[in-house]
Amino acid sequence: MRNIFLFIRRYFNFLFFVVLQIVALSFLFRYNKFHEAAFMGIANETTGMVGARFNSVEYYFNLKKTNDSLVKENADLRNSLAVNFENPDTTQRVVADTIPYDTLGHYRKYMWRPAKVVSNTSTLQNNYLTIERGLNQGVRKDMGVISPTGIVGTVVDVSANYAVVMSLLHRQSRVSARMKKTGETGTIQWDGESPFFLTLINVPKSAPVAIGDSVITSQYSYLFPQGIMVGTVAAIVEDKTSNFYTMKVKPATNFSSVEYVTVAENLMKDEQKKLEEASRKNQ
């Protein structure tokens, strides 16, 4: 308290001057319309600038919440896409199909779940991601994983609340793909070299391909719905001894910065795999 009195005593003249200035300005702005309008304009401008700065700070701290909300909304929208449903069989059935239907009678084939990436490598020869979704959230092995821009990889291991994803940047990764423009199919793999390019093989040379063509998932993959973006053709390797193209493909997903993904569950995958395995055993 003593220090406060000493401070006031020391700066009494200055403080008294400030008080008089405030009183004088208040009379000036209150009883003079021109000065009042000018003051209000400056005050509003200053208040607006301060409010804008505050909103920017508040927006920054709310980005995570907004991101999570957008990821969930994106997953909900993916679940409602027509590509997740198949047309019903019009023939008679003895047993009712238990797979959920949409309002048009199409049965659901794919279910999507959003997930956050908590660990990721992209510079090794065999790269993996870890996502914050596991058995408790319905994630299983052999589910496809995509980013907002394209496919990412395949779930290869699962715990209660986490899953490990084999990235496309893995030397054992294989994904069935096709040229969007012409429809010819091939296989996407990685040679373990540059993380900026995948390799597309087994596309016949009869196909009119060109640099810049889009590569998408094919109808032969049970991991992904057909039509999901894989990347674009960046280079065509000439090999006169082969009847098939080898193409360098720039991936649609930026593997060094992927933060959020969506896990695709093919609800009919097990039925398809069992039938194909049984057929191979009988050959």
C-alpha atoms as a PDB file:
ATOM      1  CA  MET A   1       0.000   0.000   0.000  1.00  0.00           C
ATOM      2  CA  ARG A   2       2.861   2.349   0.882  1.00  0.00           C
ATOM      3  CA  ASN A   3       4.397   1.802  -2.558  1.00  0.00           C
ATOM      4  CA  ILE A   4       1.102   2.753  -4.215  1.00  0.00           C
ATOM      5  CA  PHE A   5       0.976   6.058  -2.316  1.00  0.00           C
ATOM      6  CA  LEU A   6       4.615   6.740  -3.175  1.00  0.00           C
ATOM      7  CA  PHE A   7       3.885   6.043  -6.858  1.00  0.00           C
ATOM      8  CA  ILE A   8       0.867   8.407  -6.876  1.00  0.00           C
ATOM      9  CA  ARG A   9       2.855  11.094  -5.066  1.00  0.00           C
ATOM     10  CA  ARG A  10       5.754  10.790  -7.489  1.00  0.00           C
ATOM     11  CA  TYR A  11       3.621  10.936 -10.642  1.00  0.00           C
ATOM     12  CA  PHE A  12       0.763  13.056  -9.262  1.00  0.00           C
ATOM     13  CA  ASN A  13       1.126  15.850 -11.805  1.00  0.00           C
ATOM     14  CA  PHE A  14       1.176  13.458 -14.765  1.00  0.00           C
ATOM     15  CA  LEU A  15      -1.779  11.419 -13.483  1.00  0.00           C
ATOM     16  CA  PHE A  16      -3.764  14.587 -12.763  1.00  0.00           C
ATOM     17  CA  PHE A  17      -3.054  15.758 -16.326  1.00  0.00           C
ATOM     18  CA  VAL A  18      -4.278  12.426 -17.772  1.00  0.00           C
ATOM     19  CA  VAL A  19      -7.509  12.624 -15.743  1.00  0.00           C
ATOM     20  CA  LEU A  20      -8.153  16.185 -16.936  1.00  0.00           C
ATOM     21  CA  GLN A  21      -7.506  15.116 -20.544  1.00  0.00           C
ATOM     22  CA  ILE A  22     -10.005  12.269 -20.249  1.00  0.00           C
ATOM     23  CA  VAL A  23     -12.635  14.592 -18.779  1.00  0.00           C
ATOM     24  CA  ALA A  24     -12.008  17.209 -21.472  1.00  0.00           C
ATOM     25  CA  LEU A  25     -12.194  14.647 -24.287  1.00  0.00           C
ATOM     26  CA  SER A  26     -15.386  13.161 -22.876  1.00  0.00           C
ATOM     27  CA  PHE A  27     -17.028  16.618 -22.915  1.00  0.00           C
ATOM     28  CA  LEU A  28     -15.706  17.237 -26.422  1.00  0.00           C
ATOM     29  CA  PHE A  29     -17.020  13.975 -27.873  1.00  0.00           C
ATOM     30  CA  ARG A  30     -20.316  14.117 -25.963  1.00  0.00           C
ATOM     31  CA  TYR A  31     -21.390  17.645 -26.900  1.00  0.00           C
ATOM     32  CA  ASN A  32     -19.788  18.005 -30.347  1.00  0.00           C
ATOM     33  CA  LYS A  33     -21.478  15.891 -33.048  1.00  0.00           C
ATOM     34  CA  PHE A  34     -18.570  16.046 -35.482  1.00  0.00           C
ATOM     35  CA  HIS A  35     -15.989  14.925 -32.955  1.00  0.00           C
ATOM     36  CA  GLU A  36     -18.395  12.314 -31.589  1.00  0.00           C
ATOM     37  CA  ALA A  37     -18.828  10.803 -35.061  1.00  0.00           C
ATOM     38  CA  ALA A  38     -15.071  10.821 -35.651  1.00  0.00           C
ATOM     39  CA  PHE A  39     -14.422   9.179 -32.288  1.00  0.00           C
ATOM     40  CA  MET A  40     -17.054   6.495 -32.875  1.00  0.00           C
ATOM     41  CA  GLY A  41     -15.556   5.726 -36.279  1.00  0.00           C
ATOM     42  CA  ILE A  42     -12.073   5.271 -34.812  1.00  0.00           C
ATOM     43  CA  ALA A  43     -13.438   3.273 -31.871  1.00  0.00           C
ATOM     44  CA  ASN A  44     -15.396   0.950 -34.158  1.00  0.00           C
ATOM     45  CA  GLU A  45     -12.364   0.446 -36.399  1.00  0.00           C
ATOM     46  CA  THR A  46     -10.150  -0.361 -33.428  1.00  0.00           C
ATOM     47  CA  THR A  47     -12.744  -2.673 -31.898  1.00  0.00           C
ATOM     48  CA  GLY A  48     -13.164  -4.438 -35.223  1.00  0.00           C
ATOM     49  CA  MET A  49      -9.418  -4.963 -35.602  1.00  0.00           C
ATOM     50  CA  VAL A  50      -9.094  -6.313 -32.059  1.00  0.00           C
ATOM     51  CA  GLY A  51     -12.114  -8.569 -32.600  1.00  0.00           C
ATOM     52  CA  ALA A  52     -10.683  -9.874 -35.862  1.00  0.00           C
ATOM     53  CA  ARG A  53      -7.377 -10.677 -34.152  1.00  0.00           C
ATOM     54  CA  PHE A  54      -9.183 -12.416 -31.308  1.00  0.00           C
ATOM     55  CA  ASN A  55     -11.291 -14.417 -33.765  1.00  0.00           C
ATOM     56  CA  SER A  56      -8.137 -15.468 -35.621  1.00  0.00           C
ATOM     57  CA  VAL A  57      -6.601 -16.762 -32.391  1.00  0.00           C
ATOM     58  CA  GLU A  58      -9.852 -18.491 -31.416  1.00  0.00           C
ATOM     59  CA  TYR A  59     -10.117 -19.989 -34.920  1.00  0.00           C
ATOM     60  CA  TYR A  60      -6.573 -21.368 -34.649  1.00  0.00           C
ATOM     61  CA  PHE A  61      -7.287 -23.124 -31.353  1.00  0.00           C
ATOM     62  CA  ASN A  62     -10.563 -24.516 -32.749  1.00  0.00           C
ATOM     63  CA  LEU A  63      -8.916 -25.984 -35.865  1.00  0.00           C
ATOM     64  CA  LYS A  64      -8.570 -29.467 -34.356  1.00  0.00           C
ATOM     65  CA  LYS A  65     -12.242 -29.569 -33.389  1.00  0.00           C
ATOM     66  CA  THR A  66     -13.204 -28.316 -36.855  1.00  0.00           C
ATOM     67  CA  ASN A  67     -10.918 -30.880 -38.495  1.00  0.00           C
ATOM     68  CA  ASP A  68     -12.419 -33.742 -36.514  1.00  0.00           C
ATOM     69  CA  SER A  69     -15.915 -32.564 -37.400  1.00  0.00           C
ATOM     70  CA  LEU A  70     -15.069 -32.377 -41.106  1.00  0.00           C
ATOM     71  CA  VAL A  71     -13.501 -35.850 -41.053  1.00  0.00           C
ATOM     72  CA  LYS A  72     -16.653 -37.316 -39.494  1.00  0.00           C
ATOM     73  CA  GLU A  73     -18.854 -35.451 -41.975  1.00  0.00           C
ATOM     74  CA  ASN A  74     -16.688 -36.691 -44.848  1.00  0.00           C
ATOM     75  CA  ALA A  75     -17.057 -40.280 -43.650  1.00  0.00           C
ATOM     76  CA  ASP A  76     -20.836 -39.861 -43.391  1.00  0.00           C
ATOM     77  CA  LEU A  77     -20.944 -38.537 -46.946  1.00  0.00           C
ATOM     78  CA  ARG A  78     -18.805 -41.428 -48.197  1.00  0.00           C
ATOM     79  CA  ASN A  79     -21.165 -43.884 -46.551  1.00  0.00           C
ATOM     80  CA  SER A  80     -24.060 -42.405 -48.515  1.00  0.00           C
ATOM     81  CA  LEU A  81     -22.370 -42.532 -51.940  1.00  0.00           C
ATOM     82  CA  ALA A  82     -23.970 -44.739 -54.571  1.00  0.00           C
ATOM     83  CA  VAL A  83     -20.664 -46.573 -55.121  1.00  0.00           C
ATOM     84  CA  ASN A  84     -21.152 -48.270 -51.718  1.00  0.00           C
ATOM     85  CA  PHE A  85     -24.315 -50.011 -52.896  1.00  0.00           C
ATOM     86  CA  GLU A  86     -25.072 -52.712 -55.440  1.00  0.00           C
ATOM     87  CA  ASN A  87     -28.275 -53.166 -57.409  1.00  0.00           C
ATOM     88  CA  PRO A  88     -30.482 -55.901 -55.948  1.00  0.00           C
ATOM     89  CA  ASP A  89     -30.993 -59.221 -57.674  1.00  0.00           C
ATOM     90  CA  THR A  90     -34.432 -59.161 -59.281  1.00  0.00           C
ATOM     91  CA  THR A  91     -34.818 -62.949 -59.173  1.00  0.00           C
ATOM     92  CA  GLN A  92     -36.701 -64.660 -56.358  1.00  0.00           C
ATOM     93  CA  ARG A  93     -34.844 -65.436 -53.149  1.00  0.00           C
ATOM     94  CA  VAL A  94     -35.628 -68.072 -50.563  1.00  0.00           C
ATOM     95  CA  VAL A  95     -33.481 -66.490 -47.835  1.00  0.00           C
ATOM     96  CA  ALA A  96     -33.781 -62.772 -47.082  1.00  0.00           C
ATOM     97  CA  ASP A  97     -30.584 -60.760 -47.471  1.00  0.00           C
ATOM     98  CA  THR A  98     -29.539 -59.336 -44.097  1.00  0.00           C
ATOM     99  CA  ILE A  99     -27.203 -56.655 -45.495  1.00  0.00           C
ATOM    100  CA  PRO A 100     -28.677 -53.163 -44.918  1.00  0.00           C
ATOM    101  CA  TYR A 101     -30.441 -51.544 -47.861  1.00  0.00           C
ATOM    102  CA  ASP A 102     -30.769 -47.945 -48.918  1.00  0.00           C
ATOM    103  CA  THR A 103     -34.091 -46.298 -49.771  1.00  0.00           C
ATOM    104  CA  LEU A 104     -33.922 -47.517 -53.376  1.00  0.00           C
ATOM    105  CA  GLY A 105     -33.477 -51.143 -52.409  1.00  0.00           C
ATOM    106  CA  HIS A 106     -29.737 -51.230 -53.160  1.00  0.00           C
ATOM    107  CA  TYR A 107     -27.783 -53.269 -50.628  1.00  0.00           C
ATOM    108  CA  ARG A 108     -24.750 -51.770 -48.934  1.00  0.00           C
ATOM    109  CA  LYS A 109     -21.364 -53.139 -49.962  1.00  0.00           C
ATOM    110  CA  TYR A 110     -18.955 -50.686 -48.273  1.00  0.00           C
ATOM    111  CA  MET A 111     -18.859 -49.048 -44.858  1.00  0.00           C
ATOM    112  CA  TRP A 112     -16.468 -46.178 -44.054  1.00  0.00           C
ATOM    113  CA  ARG A 113     -14.823 -45.217 -40.754  1.00  0.00           C
ATOM    114  CA  PRO A 114     -12.723 -42.068 -40.187  1.00  0.00           C
ATOM    115  CA  ALA A 115      -9.346 -42.372 -38.444  1.00  0.00           C
ATOM    116  CA  LYS A 116      -6.453 -40.173 -37.410  1.00  0.00           C
ATOM    117  CA  VAL A 117      -2.871 -41.023 -38.397  1.00  0.00           C
ATOM    118  CA  VAL A 118      -0.641 -41.151 -35.296  1.00  0.00           C
ATOM    119  CA  SER A 119       2.529 -42.554 -36.878  1.00  0.00           C
ATOM    120  CA  ASN A 120       3.813 -42.606 -40.437  1.00  0.00           C
ATOM    121  CA  THR A 121       6.946 -43.350 -42.466  1.00  0.00           C
ATOM    122  CA  SER A 122       7.542 -42.529 -46.122  1.00  0.00           C
ATOM    123  CA  THR A 123      11.318 -42.700 -46.634  1.00  0.00           C
ATOM    124  CA  LEU A 124      11.963 -46.395 -45.971  1.00  0.00           C
ATOM    125  CA  GLN A 125      11.755 -49.256 -48.464  1.00  0.00           C
ATOM    126  CA  ASN A 126       8.802 -50.712 -46.557  1.00  0.00           C
ATOM    127  CA  ASN A 127       6.607 -47.993 -45.090  1.00  0.00           C
ATOM    128  CA  TYR A 128       3.712 -48.200 -42.634  1.00  0.00           C
ATOM    129  CA  LEU A 129       1.177 -45.927 -40.972  1.00  0.00           C
ATOM    130  CA  THR A 130      -0.474 -46.341 -37.575  1.00  0.00           C
ATOM    131  CA  ILE A 131      -4.051 -45.119 -37.212  1.00  0.00           C
ATOM    132  CA  GLU A 132      -6.083 -44.475 -34.061  1.00  0.00           C
ATOM    133  CA  ARG A 133      -8.802 -47.027 -34.799  1.00  0.00           C
ATOM    134  CA  GLY A 134      -8.817 -50.736 -33.972  1.00  0.00           C
ATOM    135  CA  LEU A 135     -10.923 -53.771 -33.158  1.00  0.00           C
ATOM    136  CA  ASN A 136     -13.095 -51.797 -30.745  1.00  0.00           C
ATOM    137  CA  GLN A 137     -14.032 -49.433 -33.564  1.00  0.00           C
ATOM    138  CA  GLY A 138     -14.708 -52.169 -36.117  1.00  0.00           C
ATOM    139  CA  VAL A 139     -11.386 -52.126 -37.997  1.00  0.00           C
ATOM    140  CA  ARG A 140     -10.043 -55.489 -39.202  1.00  0.00           C
ATOM    141  CA  LYS A 141      -7.187 -56.799 -41.322  1.00  0.00           C
ATOM    142  CA  ASP A 142      -7.476 -56.509 -45.099  1.00  0.00           C
ATOM    143  CA  MET A 143      -9.430 -53.264 -45.099  1.00  0.00           C
ATOM    144  CA  GLY A 144      -8.544 -50.538 -47.562  1.00  0.00           C
ATOM    145  CA  VAL A 145      -7.463 -47.105 -46.348  1.00  0.00           C
ATOM    146  CA  ILE A 146      -7.824 -43.860 -48.296  1.00  0.00           C
ATOM    147  CA  SER A 147      -7.000 -40.190 -47.739  1.00  0.00           C
ATOM    148  CA  PRO A 148      -9.113 -37.232 -48.868  1.00  0.00           C
ATOM    149  CA  THR A 149      -7.222 -37.295 -52.191  1.00  0.00           C
ATOM    150  CA  GLY A 150      -6.594 -40.983 -52.941  1.00  0.00           C
ATOM    151  CA  ILE A 151      -5.789 -44.469 -51.675  1.00  0.00           C
ATOM    152  CA  VAL A 152      -3.223 -44.951 -48.901  1.00  0.00           C
ATOM    153  CA  GLY A 153      -2.797 -48.670 -48.261  1.00  0.00           C
ATOM    154  CA  THR A 154      -4.117 -51.786 -46.533  1.00  0.00           C
ATOM    155  CA  VAL A 155      -4.670 -52.680 -42.863  1.00  0.00           C
ATOM    156  CA  VAL A 156      -2.235 -55.483 -41.971  1.00  0.00           C
ATOM    157  CA  ASP A 157      -2.359 -55.612 -38.162  1.00  0.00           C
ATOM    158  CA  VAL A 158      -4.902 -54.546 -35.535  1.00  0.00           C
ATOM    159  CA  SER A 159      -5.007 -54.086 -31.744  1.00  0.00           C
ATOM    160  CA  ALA A 160      -7.910 -52.972 -29.569  1.00  0.00           C
ATOM    161  CA  ASN A 161      -7.676 -49.290 -30.492  1.00  0.00           C
ATOM    162  CA  TYR A 162      -4.989 -49.030 -33.171  1.00  0.00           C
ATOM    163  CA  ALA A 163      -4.257 -50.469 -36.593  1.00  0.00           C
ATOM    164  CA  VAL A 164      -1.111 -50.709 -38.723  1.00  0.00           C
ATOM    165  CA  VAL A 165      -1.505 -49.889 -42.405  1.00  0.00           C
ATOM    166  CA  MET A 166       0.866 -51.114 -45.109  1.00  0.00           C
ATOM    167  CA  SER A 167       1.433 -48.029 -47.236  1.00  0.00           C
ATOM    168  CA  LEU A 168       1.420 -48.032 -51.037  1.00  0.00           C
ATOM    169  CA  LEU A 169       5.085 -47.135 -50.490  1.00  0.00           C
ATOM    170  CA  HIS A 170       5.845 -50.745 -49.556  1.00  0.00           C
ATOM    171  CA  ARG A 171       7.628 -53.226 -51.809  1.00  0.00           C
ATOM    172  CA  GLN A 172       5.004 -55.903 -51.151  1.00  0.00           C
ATOM    173  CA  SER A 173       2.034 -53.631 -51.841  1.00  0.00           C
ATOM    174  CA  ARG A 174      -0.154 -54.612 -54.814  1.00  0.00           C
ATOM    175  CA  VAL A 175      -3.382 -52.862 -55.829  1.00  0.00           C
ATOM    176  CA  SER A 176      -5.558 -53.575 -58.852  1.00  0.00           C
ATOM    177  CA  ALA A 177      -5.954 -50.373 -60.867  1.00  0.00           C
ATOM    178  CA  ARG A 178      -7.197 -49.199 -64.239  1.00  0.00           C
ATOM    179  CA  MET A 179      -6.811 -46.289 -66.606  1.00  0.00           C
ATOM    180  CA  LYS A 180      -9.737 -43.934 -66.062  1.00  0.00           C
ATOM    181  CA  LYS A 181      -9.880 -42.838 -69.706  1.00  0.00           C
ATOM    182  CA  THR A 182      -9.589 -46.186 -71.491  1.00  0.00           C
ATOM    183  CA  GLY A 183     -10.548 -48.771 -68.837  1.00  0.00           C
ATOM    184  CA  GLU A 184      -7.488 -51.038 -69.238  1.00  0.00           C
ATOM    185  CA  THR A 185      -6.454 -52.651 -65.960  1.00  0.00           C
ATOM    186  CA  GLY A 186      -3.041 -53.149 -64.420  1.00  0.00           C
ATOM    187  CA  THR A 187      -1.275 -53.450 -61.076  1.00  0.00           C
ATOM    188  CA  ILE A 188       0.056 -50.649 -58.897  1.00  0.00           C
ATOM    189  CA  GLN A 189       3.224 -51.453 -56.982  1.00  0.00           C
ATOM    190  CA  TRP A 190       6.319 -49.688 -55.642  1.00  0.00           C
ATOM    191  CA  ASP A 191       9.957 -50.301 -56.500  1.00  0.00           C
ATOM    192  CA  GLY A 192      11.318 -49.060 -53.165  1.00  0.00           C
ATOM    193  CA  GLU A 193      13.048 -46.036 -54.665  1.00  0.00           C
ATOM    194  CA  SER A 194      11.387 -42.616 -54.935  1.00  0.00           C
ATOM    195  CA  PRO A 195       8.445 -41.964 -52.571  1.00  0.00           C
ATOM    196  CA  PHE A 196       7.077 -39.577 -55.194  1.00  0.00           C
ATOM    197  CA  PHE A 197       6.329 -42.252 -57.800  1.00  0.00           C
ATOM    198  CA  LEU A 198       4.489 -45.574 -57.919  1.00  0.00           C
ATOM    199  CA  THR A 199       4.746 -48.085 -60.760  1.00  0.00           C
ATOM    200  CA  LEU A 200       1.859 -49.276 -62.916  1.00  0.00           C
ATOM    201  CA  ILE A 201       2.475 -52.523 -64.820  1.00  0.00           C
ATOM    202  CA  ASN A 202       0.572 -54.952 -67.056  1.00  0.00           C
ATOM    203  CA  VAL A 203      -1.328 -52.348 -69.072  1.00  0.00           C
ATOM    204  CA  PRO A 204      -1.384 -53.580 -72.706  1.00  0.00           C
ATOM    205  CA  LYS A 205       0.346 -51.421 -75.296  1.00  0.00           C
ATOM    206  CA  SER A 206      -2.810 -51.436 -77.365  1.00  0.00           C
ATOM    207  CA  ALA A 207      -4.211 -48.885 -74.897  1.00  0.00           C
ATOM    208  CA  PRO A 208      -3.839 -45.218 -75.947  1.00  0.00           C
ATOM    209  CA  VAL A 209      -2.188 -43.900 -72.775  1.00  0.00           C
ATOM    210  CA  ALA A 210      -0.600 -40.499 -72.244  1.00  0.00           C
ATOM    211  CA  ILE A 211       1.203 -38.540 -69.556  1.00  0.00           C
ATOM    212  CA  GLY A 212      -1.326 -36.917 -67.250  1.00  0.00           C
ATOM    213  CA  ASP A 213      -3.908 -39.719 -67.531  1.00  0.00           C
ATOM    214  CA  SER A 214      -5.668 -40.592 -64.284  1.00  0.00           C
ATOM    215  CA  VAL A 215      -5.238 -44.001 -62.639  1.00  0.00           C
ATOM    216  CA  ILE A 216      -8.076 -45.239 -60.394  1.00  0.00           C
ATOM    217  CA  THR A 217      -8.935 -48.413 -58.493  1.00  0.00           C
ATOM    218  CA  SER A 218     -10.448 -51.160 -60.618  1.00  0.00           C
ATOM    219  CA  GLN A 219     -13.538 -53.289 -60.130  1.00  0.00           C
ATOM    220  CA  TYR A 220     -11.313 -56.295 -59.366  1.00  0.00           C
ATOM    221  CA  SER A 221     -10.167 -55.068 -55.943  1.00  0.00           C
ATOM    222  CA  TYR A 222     -12.075 -56.218 -52.858  1.00  0.00           C
ATOM    223  CA  LEU A 223     -10.206 -53.671 -50.716  1.00  0.00           C
ATOM    224  CA  PHE A 224     -11.459 -50.507 -52.400  1.00  0.00           C
ATOM    225  CA  PRO A 225     -14.570 -49.483 -54.317  1.00  0.00           C
ATOM    226  CA  GLN A 226     -13.813 -48.934 -57.976  1.00  0.00           C
ATOM    227  CA  GLY A 227     -13.085 -45.403 -59.099  1.00  0.00           C
ATOM    228  CA  ILE A 228     -11.002 -44.187 -56.130  1.00  0.00           C
ATOM    229  CA  MET A 229      -8.094 -42.017 -57.273  1.00  0.00           C
ATOM    230  CA  VAL A 230      -4.637 -43.628 -57.258  1.00  0.00           C
ATOM    231  CA  GLY A 231      -2.594 -41.031 -59.132  1.00  0.00           C
ATOM    232  CA  THR A 232      -1.638 -39.638 -62.528  1.00  0.00           C
ATOM    233  CA  VAL A 233       0.753 -40.965 -65.160  1.00  0.00           C
ATOM    234  CA  ALA A 234       4.045 -39.050 -64.902  1.00  0.00           C
ATOM    235  CA  ALA A 235       6.205 -41.080 -67.301  1.00  0.00           C
ATOM    236  CA  ILE A 236       5.920 -44.011 -69.715  1.00  0.00           C
ATOM    237  CA  VAL A 237       8.897 -46.373 -69.760  1.00  0.00           C
ATOM    238  CA  GLU A 238       9.721 -47.708 -73.224  1.00  0.00           C
ATOM    239  CA  ASP A 239      10.387 -51.462 -73.347  1.00  0.00           C
ATOM    240  CA  LYS A 240      10.274 -52.889 -76.866  1.00  0.00           C
ATOM    241  CA  THR A 241      10.683 -56.448 -75.569  1.00  0.00           C
ATOM    242  CA  SER A 242       7.327 -56.356 -73.751  1.00  0.00           C
ATOM    243  CA  ASN A 243       3.737 -56.072 -74.913  1.00  0.00           C
ATOM    244  CA  PHE A 244       2.817 -54.167 -71.758  1.00  0.00           C
ATOM    245  CA  TYR A 245       3.489 -50.652 -70.531  1.00  0.00           C
ATOM    246  CA  THR A 246       5.458 -49.789 -67.430  1.00  0.00           C
ATOM    247  CA  MET A 247       4.397 -46.360 -66.173  1.00  0.00           C
ATOM    248  CA  LYS A 248       5.542 -44.087 -63.395  1.00  0.00           C
ATOM    249  CA  VAL A 249       2.526 -42.791 -61.484  1.00  0.00           C
ATOM    250  CA  LYS A 250       2.524 -39.762 -59.210  1.00  0.00           C
ATOM    251  CA  PRO A 251       0.375 -40.778 -56.212  1.00  0.00           C
ATOM    252  CA  ALA A 252      -2.695 -38.704 -55.420  1.00  0.00           C
ATOM    253  CA  THR A 253      -1.909 -38.986 -51.696  1.00  0.00           C
ATOM    254  CA  ASN A 254       0.898 -36.968 -50.156  1.00  0.00           C
ATOM    255  CA  PHE A 255       2.352 -39.666 -47.906  1.00  0.00           C
ATOM    256  CA  SER A 256       4.645 -37.286 -46.033  1.00  0.00           C
ATOM    257  CA  SER A 257       1.794 -35.160 -44.672  1.00  0.00           C
ATOM    258  CA  VAL A 258      -1.290 -37.386 -44.449  1.00  0.00           C
ATOM    259  CA  GLU A 259      -3.135 -36.737 -41.158  1.00  0.00           C
ATOM    260  CA  TYR A 260      -6.631 -38.140 -41.536  1.00  0.00           C
ATOM    261  CA  VAL A 261      -7.787 -41.228 -43.428  1.00  0.00           C
ATOM    262  CA  THR A 262     -10.921 -43.290 -43.935  1.00  0.00           C
ATOM    263  CA  VAL A 263     -11.042 -47.077 -43.550  1.00  0.00           C
ATOM    264  CA  ALA A 264     -13.177 -48.913 -46.113  1.00  0.00           C
ATOM    265  CA  GLU A 265     -14.878 -52.150 -45.062  1.00  0.00           C
ATOM    266  CA  ASN A 266     -16.122 -54.405 -47.859  1.00  0.00           C
ATOM    267  CA  LEU A 267     -19.121 -56.115 -46.256  1.00  0.00           C
ATOM    268  CA  MET A 268     -19.089 -58.851 -48.919  1.00  0.00           C
ATOM    269  CA  LYS A 269     -15.325 -59.477 -48.959  1.00  0.00           C
ATOM    270  CA  ASP A 270     -15.342 -62.658 -46.857  1.00  0.00           C
ATOM    271  CA  GLU A 271     -17.973 -64.283 -49.054  1.00  0.00           C
ATOM    272  CA  GLN A 272     -15.994 -63.429 -52.187  1.00  0.00           C
ATOM    273  CA  LYS A 273     -12.659 -64.647 -50.769  1.00  0.00           C
ATOM    274  CA  LYS A 274     -14.105 -67.938 -49.503  1.00  0.00           C
ATOM    275  CA  LEU A 275     -15.652 -68.689 -52.871  1.00  0.00           C
ATOM    276  CA  GLU A 276     -12.449 -67.873 -54.763  1.00  0.00           C
ATOM    277  CA  GLU A 277     -10.295 -69.940 -52.375  1.00  0.00           C
ATOM    278  CA  ALA A 278     -12.652 -72.905 -52.620  1.00  0.00           C
ATOM    279  CA  SER A 279     -12.612 -72.643 -56.399  1.00  0.00           C
ATOM    280  CA  ARG A 280      -8.803 -72.688 -56.500  1.00  0.00           C
ATOM    281  CA  LYS A 281      -8.674 -75.755 -54.232  1.00  0.00           C
ATOM    282  CA  ASN A 282     -11.003 -77.649 -56.549  1.00  0.00           C
ATOM    283  CA  GLN A 283      -8.854 -77.010 -59.605  1.00  0.00           C
END
